[in-house]
Amino acid sequence: MKKIVCLALFMLVSIQGFSQDMASLKANAQKVYDYTVAHQYEQIMDMTYPKLYDIAPKEAILEILKKSFEGNDGFTIKMVAAPPNFIFGNIKKIGDQTFSVITHDNTMQIIWDEAIPNLEIQEYIDMFKKTMKTENVSYDPANKTMNIKTGAKMIAISDDLTKKQWKFLTYNEQVFSKIFDEKIKAELGL
């Protein structure tokens, strides 16, 4: 009887610890998404996995991020506040690190300074479909806006470097491979 009570308590504590970790993961993933939609660059950088800054300085990445949304000639990019439809992968402990792969929707608009000529609209749509790997691309000529909905993937990481807090990386195979080894990539199914 004593063993059953101990086992039940252990299971309760384990389940509670896991659900708190998942709750924290979900809350922080939503924060990153909300910061991205609001173009709150500093907050995005604070929630980014710090090993990224070994590849490029934080200031350089911040500048690239700002230019991506605001510094384009002839257009601006706006993230649209739409449900991200997160799908959270299992929380996996690999060595001293904890990971979760998160897939979600990204909805964005490219707002052009000038309307795209009618003869070029389909070319632009096809180009965005190919580069963004989505079929959800449309053009609104009245508002000079390309509407794009695409899938995205980010990796959540918790380790000693992050003080056991969730930090995030937008998944890019080349960048991920510079930070983590092939064993981690394989174990996460990437």
C-alpha atoms as a PDB file:
ATOM      1  CA  MET A   1       0.000   0.000   0.000  1.00  0.00           C
ATOM      2  CA  LYS A   2       2.842   2.373   0.878  1.00  0.00           C
ATOM      3  CA  LYS A   3       4.458   1.736  -2.537  1.00  0.00           C
ATOM      4  CA  ILE A   4       1.199   2.522  -4.327  1.00  0.00           C
ATOM      5  CA  VAL A   5       0.799   5.839  -2.454  1.00  0.00           C
ATOM      6  CA  CYS A   6       4.438   6.776  -3.177  1.00  0.00           C
ATOM      7  CA  LEU A   7       4.051   5.858  -6.842  1.00  0.00           C
ATOM      8  CA  ALA A   8       0.808   7.849  -7.098  1.00  0.00           C
ATOM      9  CA  LEU A   9       2.476  10.908  -5.520  1.00  0.00           C
ATOM     10  CA  PHE A  10       5.485  10.571  -7.841  1.00  0.00           C
ATOM     11  CA  MET A  11       3.185  10.378 -10.886  1.00  0.00           C
ATOM     12  CA  LEU A  12       1.180  13.388  -9.718  1.00  0.00           C
ATOM     13  CA  VAL A  13       4.319  15.491  -9.227  1.00  0.00           C
ATOM     14  CA  SER A  14       5.716  14.347 -12.606  1.00  0.00           C
ATOM     15  CA  ILE A  15       2.498  15.150 -14.445  1.00  0.00           C
ATOM     16  CA  GLN A  16       2.176  18.498 -12.687  1.00  0.00           C
ATOM     17  CA  GLY A  17       5.794  19.395 -13.556  1.00  0.00           C
ATOM     18  CA  PHE A  18       5.249  18.441 -17.204  1.00  0.00           C
ATOM     19  CA  SER A  19       1.989  20.362 -17.512  1.00  0.00           C
ATOM     20  CA  GLN A  20       3.564  23.463 -15.949  1.00  0.00           C
ATOM     21  CA  ASP A  21       6.444  23.185 -18.412  1.00  0.00           C
ATOM     22  CA  MET A  22       3.995  22.800 -21.318  1.00  0.00           C
ATOM     23  CA  ALA A  23       1.922  25.696 -19.989  1.00  0.00           C
ATOM     24  CA  SER A  24       5.052  27.850 -19.845  1.00  0.00           C
ATOM     25  CA  LEU A  25       6.040  26.731 -23.350  1.00  0.00           C
ATOM     26  CA  LYS A  26       2.613  27.626 -24.761  1.00  0.00           C
ATOM     27  CA  ALA A  27       2.517  31.024 -23.016  1.00  0.00           C
ATOM     28  CA  ASN A  28       6.007  31.964 -24.198  1.00  0.00           C
ATOM     29  CA  ALA A  29       5.420  30.780 -27.771  1.00  0.00           C
ATOM     30  CA  GLN A  30       2.345  33.018 -27.878  1.00  0.00           C
ATOM     31  CA  LYS A  31       4.433  35.941 -26.564  1.00  0.00           C
ATOM     32  CA  VAL A  32       7.019  35.479 -29.319  1.00  0.00           C
ATOM     33  CA  TYR A  33       4.244  35.359 -31.904  1.00  0.00           C
ATOM     34  CA  ASP A  34       2.549  38.463 -30.473  1.00  0.00           C
ATOM     35  CA  TYR A  35       5.850  40.376 -30.370  1.00  0.00           C
ATOM     36  CA  THR A  36       6.472  39.443 -34.003  1.00  0.00           C
ATOM     37  CA  VAL A  37       3.035  40.643 -35.083  1.00  0.00           C
ATOM     38  CA  ALA A  38       3.533  43.903 -33.142  1.00  0.00           C
ATOM     39  CA  HIS A  39       7.086  44.334 -34.537  1.00  0.00           C
ATOM     40  CA  GLN A  40       8.459  44.549 -30.982  1.00  0.00           C
ATOM     41  CA  TYR A  41      11.989  43.728 -32.031  1.00  0.00           C
ATOM     42  CA  GLU A  42      13.762  44.105 -28.680  1.00  0.00           C
ATOM     43  CA  GLN A  43      11.297  41.727 -27.017  1.00  0.00           C
ATOM     44  CA  ILE A  44      11.754  39.217 -29.847  1.00  0.00           C
ATOM     45  CA  MET A  45      15.516  39.384 -29.348  1.00  0.00           C
ATOM     46  CA  ASP A  46      15.124  38.818 -25.598  1.00  0.00           C
ATOM     47  CA  MET A  47      13.180  35.605 -26.289  1.00  0.00           C
ATOM     48  CA  THR A  48      15.631  34.339 -28.907  1.00  0.00           C
ATOM     49  CA  TYR A  49      17.974  31.481 -28.047  1.00  0.00           C
ATOM     50  CA  PRO A  50      21.254  33.279 -27.167  1.00  0.00           C
ATOM     51  CA  LYS A  51      23.561  30.896 -29.089  1.00  0.00           C
ATOM     52  CA  LEU A  52      22.276  32.591 -32.244  1.00  0.00           C
ATOM     53  CA  TYR A  53      24.374  35.607 -31.222  1.00  0.00           C
ATOM     54  CA  ASP A  54      27.528  33.474 -31.529  1.00  0.00           C
ATOM     55  CA  ILE A  55      26.810  33.334 -35.267  1.00  0.00           C
ATOM     56  CA  ALA A  56      26.028  37.028 -35.654  1.00  0.00           C
ATOM     57  CA  PRO A  57      25.979  39.863 -33.105  1.00  0.00           C
ATOM     58  CA  LYS A  58      22.618  40.711 -31.566  1.00  0.00           C
ATOM     59  CA  GLU A  59      22.753  44.246 -32.972  1.00  0.00           C
ATOM     60  CA  ALA A  60      23.284  42.938 -36.526  1.00  0.00           C
ATOM     61  CA  ILE A  61      20.376  40.496 -36.224  1.00  0.00           C
ATOM     62  CA  LEU A  62      18.186  43.255 -34.782  1.00  0.00           C
ATOM     63  CA  GLU A  63      19.051  45.506 -37.723  1.00  0.00           C
ATOM     64  CA  ILE A  64      18.267  42.732 -40.242  1.00  0.00           C
ATOM     65  CA  LEU A  65      14.946  42.104 -38.508  1.00  0.00           C
ATOM     66  CA  LYS A  66      13.995  45.791 -38.630  1.00  0.00           C
ATOM     67  CA  LYS A  67      15.048  46.125 -42.268  1.00  0.00           C
ATOM     68  CA  SER A  68      13.026  43.043 -43.210  1.00  0.00           C
ATOM     69  CA  PHE A  69       9.842  44.736 -42.071  1.00  0.00           C
ATOM     70  CA  GLU A  70      10.540  48.433 -42.491  1.00  0.00           C
ATOM     71  CA  GLY A  71      13.563  49.032 -44.682  1.00  0.00           C
ATOM     72  CA  ASN A  72      12.433  47.726 -48.041  1.00  0.00           C
ATOM     73  CA  ASP A  73      12.339  49.830 -51.167  1.00  0.00           C
ATOM     74  CA  GLY A  74       8.847  49.913 -52.605  1.00  0.00           C
ATOM     75  CA  PHE A  75       7.025  47.825 -50.002  1.00  0.00           C
ATOM     76  CA  THR A  76       6.536  47.057 -46.320  1.00  0.00           C
ATOM     77  CA  ILE A  77       5.869  43.729 -44.655  1.00  0.00           C
ATOM     78  CA  LYS A  78       3.198  43.449 -42.006  1.00  0.00           C
ATOM     79  CA  MET A  79       2.512  40.409 -39.864  1.00  0.00           C
ATOM     80  CA  VAL A  80      -1.233  39.959 -39.486  1.00  0.00           C
ATOM     81  CA  ALA A  81      -2.766  39.179 -36.104  1.00  0.00           C
ATOM     82  CA  ALA A  82      -4.362  35.844 -36.942  1.00  0.00           C
ATOM     83  CA  PRO A  83      -4.623  32.623 -34.960  1.00  0.00           C
ATOM     84  CA  PRO A  84      -1.212  30.910 -35.178  1.00  0.00           C
ATOM     85  CA  ASN A  85      -2.769  27.443 -34.734  1.00  0.00           C
ATOM     86  CA  PHE A  86       0.233  26.197 -32.784  1.00  0.00           C
ATOM     87  CA  ILE A  87       1.035  22.495 -32.831  1.00  0.00           C
ATOM     88  CA  PHE A  88       3.432  21.716 -30.004  1.00  0.00           C
ATOM     89  CA  GLY A  89       5.730  18.746 -30.366  1.00  0.00           C
ATOM     90  CA  ASN A  90       6.626  16.647 -27.351  1.00  0.00           C
ATOM     91  CA  ILE A  91       8.978  18.166 -24.827  1.00  0.00           C
ATOM     92  CA  LYS A  92      12.216  16.215 -25.260  1.00  0.00           C
ATOM     93  CA  LYS A  93      15.187  16.111 -22.930  1.00  0.00           C
ATOM     94  CA  ILE A  94      18.400  15.615 -24.917  1.00  0.00           C
ATOM     95  CA  GLY A  95      21.495  15.713 -22.746  1.00  0.00           C
ATOM     96  CA  ASP A  96      21.300  18.808 -20.557  1.00  0.00           C
ATOM     97  CA  GLN A  97      18.876  20.577 -22.893  1.00  0.00           C
ATOM     98  CA  THR A  98      15.117  20.453 -23.334  1.00  0.00           C
ATOM     99  CA  PHE A  99      13.474  21.027 -26.727  1.00  0.00           C
ATOM    100  CA  SER A 100      10.094  21.272 -28.391  1.00  0.00           C
ATOM    101  CA  VAL A 101       9.401  21.700 -32.094  1.00  0.00           C
ATOM    102  CA  ILE A 102       6.468  24.032 -32.714  1.00  0.00           C
ATOM    103  CA  THR A 103       4.699  24.430 -36.042  1.00  0.00           C
ATOM    104  CA  HIS A 104       2.308  27.290 -36.651  1.00  0.00           C
ATOM    105  CA  ASP A 105       0.694  29.513 -39.232  1.00  0.00           C
ATOM    106  CA  ASN A 106       2.141  32.862 -40.253  1.00  0.00           C
ATOM    107  CA  THR A 107      -0.112  35.356 -41.957  1.00  0.00           C
ATOM    108  CA  MET A 108       1.491  38.382 -43.536  1.00  0.00           C
ATOM    109  CA  GLN A 109       0.897  41.159 -45.986  1.00  0.00           C
ATOM    110  CA  ILE A 110       3.286  42.777 -48.387  1.00  0.00           C
ATOM    111  CA  ILE A 111       2.007  46.281 -48.957  1.00  0.00           C
ATOM    112  CA  TRP A 112       3.386  47.799 -52.144  1.00  0.00           C
ATOM    113  CA  ASP A 113       3.956  51.537 -52.624  1.00  0.00           C
ATOM    114  CA  GLU A 114       2.633  51.166 -56.170  1.00  0.00           C
ATOM    115  CA  ALA A 115       0.174  48.670 -57.607  1.00  0.00           C
ATOM    116  CA  ILE A 116       1.622  45.629 -59.344  1.00  0.00           C
ATOM    117  CA  PRO A 117       0.867  45.840 -63.083  1.00  0.00           C
ATOM    118  CA  ASN A 118      -1.946  43.455 -64.050  1.00  0.00           C
ATOM    119  CA  LEU A 119       0.302  41.453 -66.375  1.00  0.00           C
ATOM    120  CA  GLU A 120       2.767  40.772 -63.522  1.00  0.00           C
ATOM    121  CA  ILE A 121       0.338  39.839 -60.727  1.00  0.00           C
ATOM    122  CA  GLN A 122       0.319  36.120 -61.469  1.00  0.00           C
ATOM    123  CA  GLU A 123       4.127  36.063 -61.730  1.00  0.00           C
ATOM    124  CA  TYR A 124       4.376  37.585 -58.256  1.00  0.00           C
ATOM    125  CA  ILE A 125       1.796  35.180 -56.853  1.00  0.00           C
ATOM    126  CA  ASP A 126       3.647  32.189 -58.339  1.00  0.00           C
ATOM    127  CA  MET A 127       6.969  33.490 -57.042  1.00  0.00           C
ATOM    128  CA  PHE A 128       5.629  33.859 -53.489  1.00  0.00           C
ATOM    129  CA  LYS A 129       3.960  30.450 -53.627  1.00  0.00           C
ATOM    130  CA  LYS A 130       7.279  28.874 -54.552  1.00  0.00           C
ATOM    131  CA  THR A 131       9.563  30.785 -52.171  1.00  0.00           C
ATOM    132  CA  MET A 132       7.161  30.660 -49.211  1.00  0.00           C
ATOM    133  CA  LYS A 133       6.110  27.045 -49.927  1.00  0.00           C
ATOM    134  CA  THR A 134       2.400  27.782 -49.760  1.00  0.00           C
ATOM    135  CA  GLU A 135      -0.656  27.851 -51.971  1.00  0.00           C
ATOM    136  CA  ASN A 136      -2.266  30.610 -49.872  1.00  0.00           C
ATOM    137  CA  VAL A 137      -1.205  33.726 -51.783  1.00  0.00           C
ATOM    138  CA  SER A 138      -3.540  36.366 -53.187  1.00  0.00           C
ATOM    139  CA  TYR A 139      -3.275  39.937 -54.392  1.00  0.00           C
ATOM    140  CA  ASP A 140      -5.667  42.746 -53.482  1.00  0.00           C
ATOM    141  CA  PRO A 141      -5.192  45.405 -56.188  1.00  0.00           C
ATOM    142  CA  ALA A 142      -7.384  47.988 -54.432  1.00  0.00           C
ATOM    143  CA  ASN A 143      -5.058  47.989 -51.421  1.00  0.00           C
ATOM    144  CA  LYS A 144      -1.862  47.083 -53.349  1.00  0.00           C
ATOM    145  CA  THR A 145      -1.426  44.179 -50.935  1.00  0.00           C
ATOM    146  CA  MET A 146      -0.141  40.639 -51.346  1.00  0.00           C
ATOM    147  CA  ASN A 147      -1.745  38.395 -48.700  1.00  0.00           C
ATOM    148  CA  ILE A 148       0.249  35.319 -47.706  1.00  0.00           C
ATOM    149  CA  LYS A 149      -0.495  32.532 -45.253  1.00  0.00           C
ATOM    150  CA  THR A 150       2.272  30.024 -44.737  1.00  0.00           C
ATOM    151  CA  GLY A 151       3.442  27.428 -42.277  1.00  0.00           C
ATOM    152  CA  ALA A 152       6.394  28.102 -40.003  1.00  0.00           C
ATOM    153  CA  LYS A 153       8.452  26.170 -37.512  1.00  0.00           C
ATOM    154  CA  MET A 154      10.259  27.301 -34.416  1.00  0.00           C
ATOM    155  CA  ILE A 155      12.323  25.419 -31.903  1.00  0.00           C
ATOM    156  CA  ALA A 156      11.919  26.048 -28.180  1.00  0.00           C
ATOM    157  CA  ILE A 157      15.034  25.429 -26.089  1.00  0.00           C
ATOM    158  CA  SER A 158      15.523  25.400 -22.331  1.00  0.00           C
ATOM    159  CA  ASP A 159      18.966  24.835 -20.822  1.00  0.00           C
ATOM    160  CA  ASP A 160      21.567  26.293 -18.446  1.00  0.00           C
ATOM    161  CA  LEU A 161      22.322  29.073 -20.944  1.00  0.00           C
ATOM    162  CA  THR A 162      18.661  30.219 -20.809  1.00  0.00           C
ATOM    163  CA  LYS A 163      18.469  29.715 -17.028  1.00  0.00           C
ATOM    164  CA  LYS A 164      15.906  26.961 -17.714  1.00  0.00           C
ATOM    165  CA  GLN A 165      13.549  29.451 -19.395  1.00  0.00           C
ATOM    166  CA  TRP A 166      12.122  28.776 -22.853  1.00  0.00           C
ATOM    167  CA  LYS A 167      13.929  30.627 -25.653  1.00  0.00           C
ATOM    168  CA  PHE A 168      13.142  30.275 -29.342  1.00  0.00           C
ATOM    169  CA  LEU A 169      14.701  29.946 -32.774  1.00  0.00           C
ATOM    170  CA  THR A 170      12.824  30.236 -36.025  1.00  0.00           C
ATOM    171  CA  TYR A 171      13.847  27.030 -37.743  1.00  0.00           C
ATOM    172  CA  ASN A 172      16.364  27.412 -40.513  1.00  0.00           C
ATOM    173  CA  GLU A 173      18.374  24.300 -41.359  1.00  0.00           C
ATOM    174  CA  GLN A 174      21.684  26.114 -41.908  1.00  0.00           C
ATOM    175  CA  VAL A 175      21.444  28.161 -38.705  1.00  0.00           C
ATOM    176  CA  PHE A 176      20.228  25.217 -36.630  1.00  0.00           C
ATOM    177  CA  SER A 177      23.139  23.085 -37.852  1.00  0.00           C
ATOM    178  CA  LYS A 178      25.624  25.763 -36.753  1.00  0.00           C
ATOM    179  CA  ILE A 179      24.228  25.736 -33.205  1.00  0.00           C
ATOM    180  CA  PHE A 180      23.266  22.080 -32.640  1.00  0.00           C
ATOM    181  CA  ASP A 181      24.773  18.782 -33.751  1.00  0.00           C
ATOM    182  CA  GLU A 182      23.231  16.199 -36.067  1.00  0.00           C
ATOM    183  CA  LYS A 183      22.214  13.976 -33.133  1.00  0.00           C
ATOM    184  CA  ILE A 184      19.864  16.672 -31.794  1.00  0.00           C
ATOM    185  CA  LYS A 185      18.524  17.387 -35.261  1.00  0.00           C
ATOM    186  CA  ALA A 186      17.792  13.690 -35.777  1.00  0.00           C
ATOM    187  CA  GLU A 187      16.192  13.235 -32.340  1.00  0.00           C
ATOM    188  CA  LEU A 188      13.895  16.192 -33.020  1.00  0.00           C
ATOM    189  CA  GLY A 189      12.962  14.805 -36.436  1.00  0.00           C
ATOM    190  CA  LEU A 190      14.204  17.842 -38.337  1.00  0.00           C
END
